Amino acid sequence: MAIEIERKFLVLNDSYKIDCFRKNYISQGYICSASGRTVRIRIKNDKGYITIKGGSSGSGLSRYEWEKEIPRTEAEALMKLCEPGMIEKFRYEVKAGKHIFEVDEFLGENEGLIIAEVELESEDEAFEKPAWLGKEVTGDRRYYNSMLTKNPFTTWTVKD
């Protein structure tokens, strides 16, 4: 099982689209979204994926992650077993320095929310911060996709 180390940020504007080299449509749901572990089903374009994640570290920067590609038809069937609430988003991939940021522009009940994530080799790894990068929200559970299925962004009364 691999350890995923990532930092999350709000996005200030849509200038990241200028440097985007790939854009994908993603839909996903959760078979399990219990605290400390999630089982996610994702459809990304024509491919399906199942992902299991463990609980986050105290800093919220790292957690165990296992992912396997599965046929899209199987992912579609598994989506029917998911808990209520789905995530729909466009993901933009943007290179900044030696890193690739994944910028998620949420749709549906989470419309208006745009989050950038960068995966790192270590929790203290330095990385270039693009001008469109806003407030860091790493470790803020409200911004976890599994939480956004239960408490969508459009229902928040206080937004950062």
C-alpha atoms as a PDB file:
ATOM      1  CA  MET A   1       0.000   0.000   0.000  1.00  0.00           C
ATOM      2  CA  ALA A   2       1.363   3.427  -0.941  1.00  0.00           C
ATOM      3  CA  ILE A   3       1.296   6.569   1.119  1.00  0.00           C
ATOM      4  CA  GLU A   4      -0.276   9.568  -0.575  1.00  0.00           C
ATOM      5  CA  ILE A   5       1.178  12.924   0.455  1.00  0.00           C
ATOM      6  CA  GLU A   6      -0.714  15.927  -0.850  1.00  0.00           C
ATOM      7  CA  ARG A   7      -1.532  19.527  -0.054  1.00  0.00           C
ATOM      8  CA  LYS A   8      -4.833  21.196  -0.950  1.00  0.00           C
ATOM      9  CA  PHE A   9      -5.517  24.837  -1.736  1.00  0.00           C
ATOM     10  CA  LEU A  10      -8.442  26.989  -2.726  1.00  0.00           C
ATOM     11  CA  VAL A  11      -8.062  28.606  -6.148  1.00  0.00           C
ATOM     12  CA  LEU A  12      -8.265  32.385  -6.592  1.00  0.00           C
ATOM     13  CA  ASN A  13      -9.251  32.593 -10.284  1.00  0.00           C
ATOM     14  CA  ASP A  14      -9.414  30.572 -13.490  1.00  0.00           C
ATOM     15  CA  SER A  15      -6.001  31.568 -14.881  1.00  0.00           C
ATOM     16  CA  TYR A  16      -4.831  27.973 -14.271  1.00  0.00           C
ATOM     17  CA  LYS A  17      -6.768  27.047 -17.426  1.00  0.00           C
ATOM     18  CA  ILE A  18      -4.172  28.853 -19.563  1.00  0.00           C
ATOM     19  CA  ASP A  19      -1.494  26.326 -18.574  1.00  0.00           C
ATOM     20  CA  CYS A  20      -3.761  23.266 -18.481  1.00  0.00           C
ATOM     21  CA  PHE A  21      -2.357  20.350 -20.509  1.00  0.00           C
ATOM     22  CA  ARG A  22      -5.151  17.853 -19.763  1.00  0.00           C
ATOM     23  CA  LYS A  23      -8.803  18.106 -18.774  1.00  0.00           C
ATOM     24  CA  ASN A  24     -10.968  15.182 -17.647  1.00  0.00           C
ATOM     25  CA  TYR A  25     -14.546  14.734 -16.495  1.00  0.00           C
ATOM     26  CA  ILE A  26     -14.819  12.729 -13.277  1.00  0.00           C
ATOM     27  CA  SER A  27     -17.813  11.296 -11.445  1.00  0.00           C
ATOM     28  CA  GLN A  28     -17.375   9.444  -8.195  1.00  0.00           C
ATOM     29  CA  GLY A  29     -19.221   8.012  -5.251  1.00  0.00           C
ATOM     30  CA  TYR A  30     -18.371   6.326  -1.979  1.00  0.00           C
ATOM     31  CA  ILE A  31     -19.252   2.795  -0.972  1.00  0.00           C
ATOM     32  CA  CYS A  32     -17.837   3.635   2.463  1.00  0.00           C
ATOM     33  CA  SER A  33     -17.007   7.096   3.792  1.00  0.00           C
ATOM     34  CA  ALA A  34     -16.440   6.255   7.448  1.00  0.00           C
ATOM     35  CA  SER A  35     -13.942   8.297   9.415  1.00  0.00           C
ATOM     36  CA  GLY A  36     -10.512   6.769   8.941  1.00  0.00           C
ATOM     37  CA  ARG A  37     -11.294   4.854   5.744  1.00  0.00           C
ATOM     38  CA  THR A  38     -13.036   5.391   2.446  1.00  0.00           C
ATOM     39  CA  VAL A  39     -13.845   3.172  -0.494  1.00  0.00           C
ATOM     40  CA  ARG A  40     -14.354   5.258  -3.622  1.00  0.00           C
ATOM     41  CA  ILE A  41     -15.626   4.348  -7.066  1.00  0.00           C
ATOM     42  CA  ARG A  42     -14.581   6.716  -9.830  1.00  0.00           C
ATOM     43  CA  ILE A  43     -15.300   7.022 -13.521  1.00  0.00           C
ATOM     44  CA  LYS A  44     -12.763   9.163 -15.350  1.00  0.00           C
ATOM     45  CA  ASN A  45     -13.601   9.494 -19.030  1.00  0.00           C
ATOM     46  CA  ASP A  46     -13.827   5.888 -20.261  1.00  0.00           C
ATOM     47  CA  LYS A  47     -12.064   4.194 -17.325  1.00  0.00           C
ATOM     48  CA  GLY A  48     -13.200   3.004 -13.919  1.00  0.00           C
ATOM     49  CA  TYR A  49     -11.272   2.921 -10.646  1.00  0.00           C
ATOM     50  CA  ILE A  50     -11.723   1.610  -7.130  1.00  0.00           C
ATOM     51  CA  THR A  51      -9.731   3.371  -4.419  1.00  0.00           C
ATOM     52  CA  ILE A  52      -9.323   2.594  -0.736  1.00  0.00           C
ATOM     53  CA  LYS A  53      -7.905   5.283   1.522  1.00  0.00           C
ATOM     54  CA  GLY A  54      -6.947   5.123   5.187  1.00  0.00           C
ATOM     55  CA  GLY A  55      -7.174   7.828   7.800  1.00  0.00           C
ATOM     56  CA  SER A  56      -5.163  11.020   7.462  1.00  0.00           C
ATOM     57  CA  SER A  57      -2.086  11.790   9.530  1.00  0.00           C
ATOM     58  CA  GLY A  58      -2.388  14.407  12.257  1.00  0.00           C
ATOM     59  CA  SER A  59      -1.260  17.111   9.825  1.00  0.00           C
ATOM     60  CA  GLY A  60      -3.739  15.935   7.191  1.00  0.00           C
ATOM     61  CA  LEU A  61      -0.893  15.733   4.674  1.00  0.00           C
ATOM     62  CA  SER A  62      -0.600  11.979   4.253  1.00  0.00           C
ATOM     63  CA  ARG A  63      -2.627   8.774   4.283  1.00  0.00           C
ATOM     64  CA  TYR A  64      -2.573   5.270   2.893  1.00  0.00           C
ATOM     65  CA  GLU A  65      -4.021   4.859  -0.578  1.00  0.00           C
ATOM     66  CA  TRP A  66      -4.590   1.855  -2.837  1.00  0.00           C
ATOM     67  CA  GLU A  67      -6.109   2.247  -6.304  1.00  0.00           C
ATOM     68  CA  LYS A  68      -6.891  -0.192  -9.086  1.00  0.00           C
ATOM     69  CA  GLU A  69      -8.246   0.417 -12.564  1.00  0.00           C
ATOM     70  CA  ILE A  70     -11.407  -1.571 -13.283  1.00  0.00           C
ATOM     71  CA  PRO A  71     -13.601  -1.783 -16.386  1.00  0.00           C
ATOM     72  CA  ARG A  72     -15.966   1.160 -16.755  1.00  0.00           C
ATOM     73  CA  THR A  73     -18.945  -1.213 -16.802  1.00  0.00           C
ATOM     74  CA  GLU A  74     -17.937  -2.567 -13.384  1.00  0.00           C
ATOM     75  CA  ALA A  75     -17.486   0.960 -12.024  1.00  0.00           C
ATOM     76  CA  GLU A  76     -20.966   1.893 -13.299  1.00  0.00           C
ATOM     77  CA  ALA A  77     -22.435  -1.169 -11.556  1.00  0.00           C
ATOM     78  CA  LEU A  78     -20.582  -0.375  -8.301  1.00  0.00           C
ATOM     79  CA  MET A  79     -21.825   3.244  -8.406  1.00  0.00           C
ATOM     80  CA  LYS A  80     -25.299   1.827  -7.696  1.00  0.00           C
ATOM     81  CA  LEU A  81     -23.986   0.616  -4.307  1.00  0.00           C
ATOM     82  CA  CYS A  82     -22.621   4.018  -3.303  1.00  0.00           C
ATOM     83  CA  GLU A  83     -23.884   6.126  -0.431  1.00  0.00           C
ATOM     84  CA  PRO A  84     -26.140   9.073  -1.317  1.00  0.00           C
ATOM     85  CA  GLY A  85     -24.378  12.072  -2.832  1.00  0.00           C
ATOM     86  CA  MET A  86     -22.114  12.011  -5.854  1.00  0.00           C
ATOM     87  CA  ILE A  87     -19.166  14.137  -6.882  1.00  0.00           C
ATOM     88  CA  GLU A  88     -18.975  15.538 -10.403  1.00  0.00           C
ATOM     89  CA  LYS A  89     -16.078  17.676 -11.499  1.00  0.00           C
ATOM     90  CA  PHE A  90     -13.724  18.694 -14.238  1.00  0.00           C
ATOM     91  CA  ARG A  91     -10.083  18.037 -13.392  1.00  0.00           C
ATOM     92  CA  TYR A  92      -7.447  20.244 -14.983  1.00  0.00           C
ATOM     93  CA  GLU A  93      -3.824  19.151 -14.866  1.00  0.00           C
ATOM     94  CA  VAL A  94      -1.378  22.046 -14.687  1.00  0.00           C
ATOM     95  CA  LYS A  95       2.412  21.862 -14.512  1.00  0.00           C
ATOM     96  CA  ALA A  96       4.147  24.283 -12.139  1.00  0.00           C
ATOM     97  CA  GLY A  97       7.879  23.810 -11.743  1.00  0.00           C
ATOM     98  CA  LYS A  98       8.542  20.090 -11.345  1.00  0.00           C
ATOM     99  CA  HIS A  99       5.058  19.341  -9.976  1.00  0.00           C
ATOM    100  CA  ILE A 100       1.649  18.794 -11.511  1.00  0.00           C
ATOM    101  CA  PHE A 101      -1.319  20.400  -9.821  1.00  0.00           C
ATOM    102  CA  GLU A 102      -4.721  18.767 -10.188  1.00  0.00           C
ATOM    103  CA  VAL A 103      -7.317  21.524 -10.167  1.00  0.00           C
ATOM    104  CA  ASP A 104     -10.856  20.301  -9.514  1.00  0.00           C
ATOM    105  CA  GLU A 105     -13.723  22.491 -10.669  1.00  0.00           C
ATOM    106  CA  PHE A 106     -16.769  21.013  -8.955  1.00  0.00           C
ATOM    107  CA  LEU A 107     -20.196  20.752 -10.554  1.00  0.00           C
ATOM    108  CA  GLY A 108     -23.714  20.091  -9.271  1.00  0.00           C
ATOM    109  CA  GLU A 109     -24.215  20.588  -5.549  1.00  0.00           C
ATOM    110  CA  ASN A 110     -20.577  21.626  -5.157  1.00  0.00           C
ATOM    111  CA  GLU A 111     -20.579  24.166  -7.986  1.00  0.00           C
ATOM    112  CA  GLY A 112     -18.483  27.220  -7.204  1.00  0.00           C
ATOM    113  CA  LEU A 113     -15.802  25.261  -5.378  1.00  0.00           C
ATOM    114  CA  ILE A 114     -12.385  24.980  -7.021  1.00  0.00           C
ATOM    115  CA  ILE A 115      -9.583  23.141  -5.240  1.00  0.00           C
ATOM    116  CA  ALA A 116      -5.988  22.510  -6.334  1.00  0.00           C
ATOM    117  CA  GLU A 117      -4.006  19.544  -5.052  1.00  0.00           C
ATOM    118  CA  VAL A 118      -0.321  18.793  -5.417  1.00  0.00           C
ATOM    119  CA  GLU A 119       1.197  15.400  -4.610  1.00  0.00           C
ATOM    120  CA  LEU A 120       4.574  15.427  -2.920  1.00  0.00           C
ATOM    121  CA  GLU A 121       7.393  12.962  -2.208  1.00  0.00           C
ATOM    122  CA  SER A 122       7.629  14.074   1.443  1.00  0.00           C
ATOM    123  CA  GLU A 123       5.588  16.253   3.793  1.00  0.00           C
ATOM    124  CA  ASP A 124       8.259  18.976   3.799  1.00  0.00           C
ATOM    125  CA  GLU A 125       9.016  18.992   0.056  1.00  0.00           C
ATOM    126  CA  ALA A 126       9.196  22.487  -1.446  1.00  0.00           C
ATOM    127  CA  PHE A 127       7.131  23.292  -4.525  1.00  0.00           C
ATOM    128  CA  GLU A 128       6.437  26.249  -6.782  1.00  0.00           C
ATOM    129  CA  LYS A 129       3.215  28.078  -5.876  1.00  0.00           C
ATOM    130  CA  PRO A 130       1.372  29.438  -8.918  1.00  0.00           C
ATOM    131  CA  ALA A 131      -0.170  32.927  -8.642  1.00  0.00           C
ATOM    132  CA  TRP A 132      -3.704  31.461  -8.790  1.00  0.00           C
ATOM    133  CA  LEU A 133      -3.137  29.374  -5.640  1.00  0.00           C
ATOM    134  CA  GLY A 134      -5.117  30.630  -2.644  1.00  0.00           C
ATOM    135  CA  LYS A 135      -5.579  29.636   0.987  1.00  0.00           C
ATOM    136  CA  GLU A 136      -4.287  26.222   2.032  1.00  0.00           C
ATOM    137  CA  VAL A 137      -7.045  23.862   3.217  1.00  0.00           C
ATOM    138  CA  THR A 138      -4.950  20.716   3.765  1.00  0.00           C
ATOM    139  CA  GLY A 139      -6.448  18.748   6.638  1.00  0.00           C
ATOM    140  CA  ASP A 140      -9.728  20.701   6.631  1.00  0.00           C
ATOM    141  CA  ARG A 141     -12.208  17.815   6.416  1.00  0.00           C
ATOM    142  CA  ARG A 142     -14.911  20.023   4.853  1.00  0.00           C
ATOM    143  CA  TYR A 143     -12.910  19.903   1.617  1.00  0.00           C
ATOM    144  CA  TYR A 144     -12.552  16.107   1.464  1.00  0.00           C
ATOM    145  CA  ASN A 145     -14.545  14.777  -1.480  1.00  0.00           C
ATOM    146  CA  SER A 146     -16.190  12.201   0.795  1.00  0.00           C
ATOM    147  CA  MET A 147     -17.427  15.033   3.044  1.00  0.00           C
ATOM    148  CA  LEU A 148     -18.649  17.076   0.077  1.00  0.00           C
ATOM    149  CA  THR A 149     -21.067  14.245  -0.747  1.00  0.00           C
ATOM    150  CA  LYS A 150     -22.667  14.693   2.698  1.00  0.00           C
ATOM    151  CA  ASN A 151     -22.331  18.449   3.098  1.00  0.00           C
ATOM    152  CA  PRO A 152     -22.171  20.014  -0.386  1.00  0.00           C
ATOM    153  CA  PHE A 153     -20.471  23.366  -0.883  1.00  0.00           C
ATOM    154  CA  THR A 154     -23.690  25.070  -2.074  1.00  0.00           C
ATOM    155  CA  THR A 155     -25.252  24.429   1.371  1.00  0.00           C
ATOM    156  CA  TRP A 156     -22.439  26.060   3.356  1.00  0.00           C
ATOM    157  CA  THR A 157     -23.403  29.272   5.105  1.00  0.00           C
ATOM    158  CA  VAL A 158     -19.765  30.290   5.709  1.00  0.00           C
ATOM    159  CA  LYS A 159     -17.352  29.911   2.807  1.00  0.00           C
ATOM    160  CA  ASP A 160     -13.612  30.655   2.905  1.00  0.00           C
END
